[in-house]
Amino acid sequence: MERRIVTEPIIAVFAGGVSSEREVSLGSGAASAHALSRHFPTKFFDITSEALPAELDPKRHVVFSTLHGTFGEDGGMQRLLDTAGVHYAGCDAASSALTMDKVLTKRAAATRGVAGALDLVFSAAKKLSADEILLKLGDQLVLKPTDQGSSVGLHIIVGRAELEKALATVKSGNWIIEQRIFGRELSVGVLNGHAMGVVEIKPKSGVYDFSSKYTKGMTEYRAPAPMSDEQTAQACKAAEAAYAACGCRDYARVDFIFSEKNGLFLLEINTLPGMKETSLLPMSAKCEGLDFSALVRELVLPALKRFSAAKAQQLA
């Protein structure tokens, strides 16, 4: 009788990438690889091009990606992994592509009753006029690219002069401009379809931009957010609904603005969020009693189950 040798899969941690968020991704990848190595054989891959590493083996590796932004979160890497038959943690290619686009995300979430701020969408090639924008949305506005993360390209605008100045900086790509909602910024981690803790984000500048996110001491985080049980339940229900509407799997992070007067408004869904111990998804998990090491283990388990099920089917 032939003896089959079963070997434990290696977790291939992808980090770096080619987007403007490369340095952020390298930090996420290093922290995740260290934590995952406590539970599984782990190998770190610094991704430097829009291609799979030559040594990646679908029979031996399960990918845990911390690639942020273009090619990492937009379905590009996921499509390459699917084509190569490599199992990976997190959302599939279709869901990744959808959630990378803030407009598509808002439209999908709206079908499940999760509202977003009033908006207008345009491309750099066909800019809207300031008059059109002010007429529909008023003069308190938020301008951002439809497909970037980490608040890249974010503009907070008050009045015509600031609007015209911001529009002048738009040189390429697709953009969304929204009526600004004033309220509390919230983030909810979702694990296997179930919401974890609600985190409140309180930037000292009043705006959670790139500097507030990545400069130590610029933002206060409250985990769990000081909210009533009813408000917390509302945020969790909305996070789960948005996650399901966009076809997410395994895990994601859902961000909102909460207005005491008007309720919750969806900002975005982040399918490959920051993954340092002090990042928002780990903060959300910690509210549920999951420390960083336990969290990364939970995040990769569904992919390991898919890998094992496929291998068992091949051997049958």
Protein backbone atom coordinates (compact mmCIF):
# COMPACT_ATOMS: atom_id res chain seq x y z
CA MET A 1 0.00 0.00 0.00
CA GLU A 2 1.36 3.42 -0.98
CA ARG A 3 2.12 5.63 1.99
CA ARG A 4 1.01 9.23 1.67
CA ILE A 5 3.02 11.86 3.48
CA VAL A 6 0.87 14.73 4.71
CA THR A 7 2.74 17.98 5.29
CA GLU A 8 1.43 21.05 7.04
CA PRO A 9 0.85 23.99 4.67
CA ILE A 10 3.05 27.07 4.95
CA ILE A 11 1.40 30.45 5.46
CA ALA A 12 2.80 32.79 2.81
CA VAL A 13 2.48 36.35 4.12
CA PHE A 14 2.36 38.86 1.27
CA ALA A 15 3.41 42.44 2.03
CA GLY A 16 4.75 45.53 0.31
CA GLY A 17 3.22 45.70 -3.14
CA VAL A 18 3.29 48.43 -5.74
CA SER A 19 0.71 50.92 -4.43
CA SER A 20 1.17 54.19 -2.56
CA GLU A 21 0.50 52.19 0.64
CA ARG A 22 3.59 49.98 0.25
CA GLU A 23 5.30 51.09 3.48
CA VAL A 24 2.10 50.66 5.50
CA SER A 25 1.71 47.17 4.03
CA LEU A 26 5.26 46.17 4.97
CA GLY A 27 4.49 47.06 8.59
CA SER A 28 1.27 45.02 8.52
CA GLY A 29 3.04 42.08 6.94
CA ALA A 30 5.90 42.01 9.42
CA ALA A 31 3.54 42.09 12.41
CA SER A 32 1.24 39.44 10.93
CA ALA A 33 4.08 37.11 9.95
CA HIS A 34 5.51 37.28 13.47
CA ALA A 35 2.13 36.47 15.02
CA LEU A 36 1.27 33.73 12.52
CA SER A 37 4.64 32.02 13.08
CA ARG A 38 3.47 31.20 16.61
CA HIS A 39 0.82 28.92 15.14
CA PHE A 40 1.95 27.77 11.69
CA PRO A 41 5.02 27.41 9.47
CA THR A 42 5.26 30.90 7.96
CA LYS A 43 7.21 32.59 5.16
CA PHE A 44 7.33 36.34 4.45
CA PHE A 45 7.16 37.56 0.84
CA ASP A 46 7.97 41.15 -0.13
CA ILE A 47 5.89 41.71 -3.27
CA THR A 48 7.59 44.17 -5.63
CA SER A 49 5.66 43.69 -8.89
CA GLU A 50 2.21 42.74 -10.14
CA ALA A 51 3.10 39.06 -10.21
CA LEU A 52 3.16 36.02 -7.96
CA PRO A 53 6.49 35.07 -6.36
CA ALA A 54 8.22 32.37 -8.42
CA GLU A 55 8.61 30.10 -5.41
CA LEU A 56 4.91 30.16 -4.47
CA ASP A 57 3.57 26.58 -4.57
CA PRO A 58 -0.20 25.92 -4.54
CA LYS A 59 0.47 22.48 -3.05
CA ARG A 60 2.39 23.93 -0.10
CA HIS A 61 1.35 27.52 0.48
CA VAL A 62 -1.76 29.28 1.77
CA VAL A 63 -1.55 33.05 1.31
CA PHE A 64 -2.29 35.63 3.98
CA SER A 65 -2.08 38.95 2.18
CA THR A 66 -1.50 42.32 3.81
CA LEU A 67 -1.18 44.14 0.48
CA HIS A 68 -3.03 47.44 0.71
CA GLY A 69 -4.33 49.53 -2.17
CA THR A 70 -3.95 49.00 -5.91
CA PHE A 71 -3.26 45.39 -7.00
CA GLY A 72 -3.46 44.21 -3.40
CA GLU A 73 -7.07 44.94 -2.50
CA ASP A 74 -8.68 45.54 -5.88
CA GLY A 75 -8.92 41.91 -7.00
CA GLY A 76 -5.73 41.92 -9.08
CA MET A 77 -3.68 39.72 -6.78
CA GLN A 78 -6.71 37.60 -5.95
CA ARG A 79 -7.29 36.82 -9.64
CA LEU A 80 -3.67 35.72 -10.04
CA LEU A 81 -3.98 33.45 -6.99
CA ASP A 82 -7.24 31.95 -8.30
CA THR A 83 -5.68 31.28 -11.71
CA ALA A 84 -2.67 29.60 -10.07
CA GLY A 85 -4.90 27.49 -7.81
CA VAL A 86 -3.51 29.04 -4.63
CA HIS A 87 -5.78 29.26 -1.59
CA TYR A 88 -5.80 32.55 0.31
CA ALA A 89 -7.42 34.20 3.30
CA GLY A 90 -9.89 37.03 2.88
CA CYS A 91 -12.32 38.18 0.23
CA ASP A 92 -12.33 36.69 -3.26
CA ALA A 93 -11.49 38.62 -6.43
CA ALA A 94 -15.03 39.82 -7.21
CA SER A 95 -15.71 41.09 -3.69
CA SER A 96 -12.27 42.70 -3.48
CA ALA A 97 -12.83 44.58 -6.75
CA LEU A 98 -16.28 45.74 -5.66
CA THR A 99 -15.24 47.00 -2.22
CA MET A 100 -12.17 48.78 -3.59
CA ASP A 101 -14.61 51.06 -5.39
CA LYS A 102 -16.29 53.30 -2.81
CA VAL A 103 -19.19 54.04 -5.16
CA LEU A 104 -20.01 50.39 -5.90
CA THR A 105 -19.67 49.61 -2.20
CA LYS A 106 -22.17 52.31 -1.24
CA ARG A 107 -24.63 51.22 -3.93
CA ALA A 108 -24.43 47.56 -2.89
CA ALA A 109 -24.80 48.35 0.81
CA ALA A 110 -27.83 50.53 0.09
CA THR A 111 -29.67 47.44 -1.18
CA ARG A 112 -29.46 46.09 2.38
CA GLY A 113 -30.63 49.34 3.96
CA VAL A 114 -27.20 50.72 4.86
CA ALA A 115 -27.11 54.39 3.89
CA GLY A 116 -24.21 56.47 2.60
CA ALA A 117 -23.82 60.22 2.36
CA LEU A 118 -25.35 62.04 -0.61
CA ASP A 119 -22.73 62.09 -3.38
CA LEU A 120 -21.72 62.91 -6.93
CA VAL A 121 -19.26 60.85 -8.99
CA PHE A 122 -16.97 62.06 -11.77
CA SER A 123 -13.72 61.37 -13.60
CA ALA A 124 -10.73 63.66 -13.96
CA ALA A 125 -11.46 63.77 -17.71
CA LYS A 126 -15.01 64.99 -17.09
CA LYS A 127 -14.92 67.13 -13.97
CA LEU A 128 -18.08 68.54 -12.48
CA SER A 129 -18.32 72.28 -12.06
CA ALA A 130 -18.26 73.88 -8.65
CA ASP A 131 -21.76 75.20 -9.32
CA GLU A 132 -23.16 71.70 -9.92
CA ILE A 133 -21.60 70.37 -6.75
CA LEU A 134 -22.62 73.25 -4.50
CA LEU A 135 -26.20 73.15 -5.80
CA LYS A 136 -26.72 69.48 -4.97
CA LEU A 137 -24.46 68.90 -1.96
CA GLY A 138 -23.96 72.26 -0.24
CA ASP A 139 -20.60 73.72 0.73
CA GLN A 140 -19.42 71.26 3.43
CA LEU A 141 -17.85 68.49 1.36
CA VAL A 142 -15.50 65.49 1.25
CA LEU A 143 -13.60 64.72 -1.96
CA LYS A 144 -11.67 61.48 -2.43
CA PRO A 145 -10.64 58.98 -5.11
CA THR A 146 -13.09 56.13 -5.57
CA ASP A 147 -10.38 53.47 -5.35
CA GLN A 148 -7.65 54.45 -2.88
CA GLY A 149 -7.17 53.59 0.79
CA SER A 150 -5.36 55.09 3.80
CA SER A 151 -7.09 58.44 3.06
CA VAL A 152 -4.87 58.96 0.01
CA GLY A 153 -6.14 61.99 -1.93
CA LEU A 154 -8.66 63.00 0.75
CA HIS A 155 -9.86 66.62 0.75
CA ILE A 156 -12.10 68.19 3.40
CA ILE A 157 -13.74 71.22 1.84
CA VAL A 158 -15.59 74.27 3.17
CA GLY A 159 -16.91 76.75 0.62
CA ARG A 160 -16.45 77.53 -3.06
CA ALA A 161 -12.82 78.67 -2.91
CA GLU A 162 -11.64 75.45 -1.25
CA LEU A 163 -13.78 73.38 -3.63
CA GLU A 164 -12.29 75.01 -6.73
CA LYS A 165 -8.78 74.59 -5.31
CA ALA A 166 -9.40 70.87 -4.60
CA LEU A 167 -10.90 70.26 -8.06
CA ALA A 168 -7.80 71.83 -9.63
CA THR A 169 -5.65 69.09 -8.03
CA VAL A 170 -7.68 66.32 -9.72
CA LYS A 171 -5.49 65.23 -12.64
CA SER A 172 -6.40 61.56 -13.15
CA GLY A 173 -8.67 58.75 -12.02
CA ASN A 174 -12.24 58.55 -10.76
CA TRP A 175 -13.53 60.60 -7.84
CA ILE A 176 -16.45 60.84 -5.44
CA ILE A 177 -17.53 64.01 -3.68
CA GLU A 178 -19.90 63.68 -0.75
CA GLN A 179 -21.95 65.90 1.47
CA ARG A 180 -19.98 65.99 4.69
CA ILE A 181 -21.64 64.24 7.62
CA PHE A 182 -20.63 65.54 11.02
CA GLY A 183 -20.52 62.93 13.72
CA ARG A 184 -18.48 60.19 15.36
CA GLU A 185 -16.26 58.01 13.19
CA LEU A 186 -16.68 54.30 13.93
CA SER A 187 -14.97 51.13 12.75
CA VAL A 188 -16.34 47.60 13.09
CA GLY A 189 -14.39 44.42 12.40
CA VAL A 190 -16.36 41.55 10.88
CA LEU A 191 -15.10 37.98 11.29
CA ASN A 192 -16.82 35.22 9.31
CA GLY A 193 -19.91 37.39 8.91
CA HIS A 194 -20.20 38.36 12.58
CA ALA A 195 -19.44 41.86 13.85
CA MET A 196 -16.88 42.26 16.61
CA GLY A 197 -16.35 45.35 18.77
CA VAL A 198 -17.17 48.91 17.72
CA VAL A 199 -14.15 51.26 17.81
CA GLU A 200 -14.48 55.04 17.91
CA ILE A 201 -11.83 57.12 16.14
CA LYS A 202 -11.12 60.59 17.52
CA PRO A 203 -8.45 62.46 15.51
CA LYS A 204 -7.07 65.50 17.29
CA SER A 205 -7.18 67.47 14.05
CA GLY A 206 -10.86 66.65 13.58
CA VAL A 207 -10.11 64.82 10.31
CA TYR A 208 -8.94 61.19 10.09
CA ASP A 209 -6.50 61.74 7.23
CA PHE A 210 -3.19 60.03 6.39
CA SER A 211 -1.29 62.05 8.99
CA SER A 212 -3.83 61.28 11.73
CA LYS A 213 -3.70 57.58 10.89
CA TYR A 214 0.05 57.15 10.86
CA THR A 215 1.45 59.81 13.20
CA LYS A 216 1.76 58.59 16.77
CA GLY A 217 -0.38 60.53 19.24
CA MET A 218 -2.50 62.26 16.58
CA THR A 219 -5.59 60.12 17.16
CA GLU A 220 -7.39 58.71 20.19
CA TYR A 221 -9.12 55.34 19.85
CA ARG A 222 -11.91 54.14 22.12
CA ALA A 223 -12.43 50.40 22.09
CA PRO A 224 -15.18 49.64 22.73
CA ALA A 225 -16.81 52.91 21.68
CA PRO A 226 -18.81 54.56 24.48
CA MET A 227 -22.28 54.03 23.02
CA SER A 228 -25.61 52.72 24.22
CA ASP A 229 -26.39 49.04 23.72
CA GLU A 230 -28.94 50.02 21.08
CA GLN A 231 -26.42 52.16 19.14
CA THR A 232 -23.78 49.43 19.33
CA ALA A 233 -26.25 46.83 18.06
CA GLN A 234 -27.22 49.17 15.21
CA ALA A 235 -23.58 49.61 14.14
CA CYS A 236 -22.92 45.85 14.30
CA LYS A 237 -26.06 45.03 12.32
CA ALA A 238 -25.16 47.58 9.64
CA ALA A 239 -21.58 46.25 9.41
CA GLU A 240 -22.81 42.69 8.92
CA ALA A 241 -25.36 43.84 6.31
CA ALA A 242 -22.77 45.81 4.31
CA TYR A 243 -20.31 42.89 4.50
CA ALA A 244 -22.95 40.48 3.18
CA ALA A 245 -24.16 42.90 0.49
CA CYS A 246 -20.65 43.10 -0.96
CA GLY A 247 -20.09 39.34 -0.93
CA CYS A 248 -17.24 39.48 1.59
CA ARG A 249 -15.79 36.33 3.12
CA ASP A 250 -13.55 35.51 6.10
CA TYR A 251 -13.05 39.06 7.40
CA ALA A 252 -13.24 42.78 6.64
CA ARG A 253 -13.45 46.13 8.40
CA VAL A 254 -16.49 48.38 7.93
CA ASP A 255 -16.25 52.13 8.65
CA PHE A 256 -19.08 54.55 9.43
CA ILE A 257 -19.91 58.08 10.48
CA PHE A 258 -22.51 58.14 13.24
CA SER A 259 -24.69 61.23 13.54
CA GLU A 260 -26.75 61.50 16.73
CA LYS A 261 -29.46 63.20 14.67
CA ASN A 262 -29.44 61.18 11.44
CA GLY A 263 -27.91 57.80 12.33
CA LEU A 264 -25.23 55.73 10.57
CA PHE A 265 -23.64 56.47 7.21
CA LEU A 266 -21.30 54.00 5.52
CA LEU A 267 -17.83 55.30 4.63
CA GLU A 268 -16.17 52.20 3.18
CA ILE A 269 -15.36 48.52 3.53
CA ASN A 270 -11.70 47.59 3.85
CA THR A 271 -11.07 43.97 2.90
CA LEU A 272 -7.34 43.98 3.73
CA PRO A 273 -7.14 46.45 6.62
CA GLY A 274 -4.08 47.47 8.57
CA MET A 275 -2.73 44.54 10.55
CA LYS A 276 -0.43 45.83 13.26
CA GLU A 277 -1.39 45.14 16.87
CA THR A 278 -2.58 48.74 17.19
CA SER A 279 -4.62 48.73 13.96
CA LEU A 280 -8.40 49.08 13.92
CA LEU A 281 -9.33 45.47 13.11
CA PRO A 282 -7.20 44.11 15.98
CA MET A 283 -8.73 46.75 18.29
CA SER A 284 -12.19 45.56 17.30
CA ALA A 285 -11.20 41.93 17.91
CA LYS A 286 -9.70 42.77 21.30
CA CYS A 287 -13.14 43.98 22.42
CA GLU A 288 -14.24 40.36 21.91
CA GLY A 289 -11.31 38.91 23.85
CA LEU A 290 -9.13 38.06 20.84
CA ASP A 291 -5.54 39.28 21.17
CA PHE A 292 -3.47 39.88 18.02
CA SER A 293 -1.98 36.40 17.90
CA ALA A 294 -5.38 34.74 18.33
CA LEU A 295 -6.92 37.06 15.75
CA VAL A 296 -4.47 36.30 12.93
CA ARG A 297 -4.97 32.60 13.59
CA GLU A 298 -8.75 33.04 13.21
CA LEU A 299 -8.29 35.08 10.05
CA VAL A 300 -6.33 32.36 8.26
CA LEU A 301 -8.32 29.31 9.46
CA PRO A 302 -11.05 29.46 6.76
CA ALA A 303 -8.40 29.47 4.03
CA LEU A 304 -6.65 26.50 5.65
CA LYS A 305 -9.98 24.64 5.70
CA ARG A 306 -10.48 25.36 1.99
CA PHE A 307 -6.93 24.16 1.30
CA SER A 308 -7.46 20.94 3.28
CA ALA A 309 -10.84 20.25 1.66
CA ALA A 310 -9.37 20.67 -1.83
CA LYS A 311 -6.43 18.41 -0.97
CA ALA A 312 -8.73 15.73 0.44
CA GLN A 313 -10.83 15.85 -2.72
CA GLN A 314 -7.72 15.37 -4.87
CA LEU A 315 -6.67 12.34 -2.81
CA ALA A 316 -10.12 10.75 -2.84
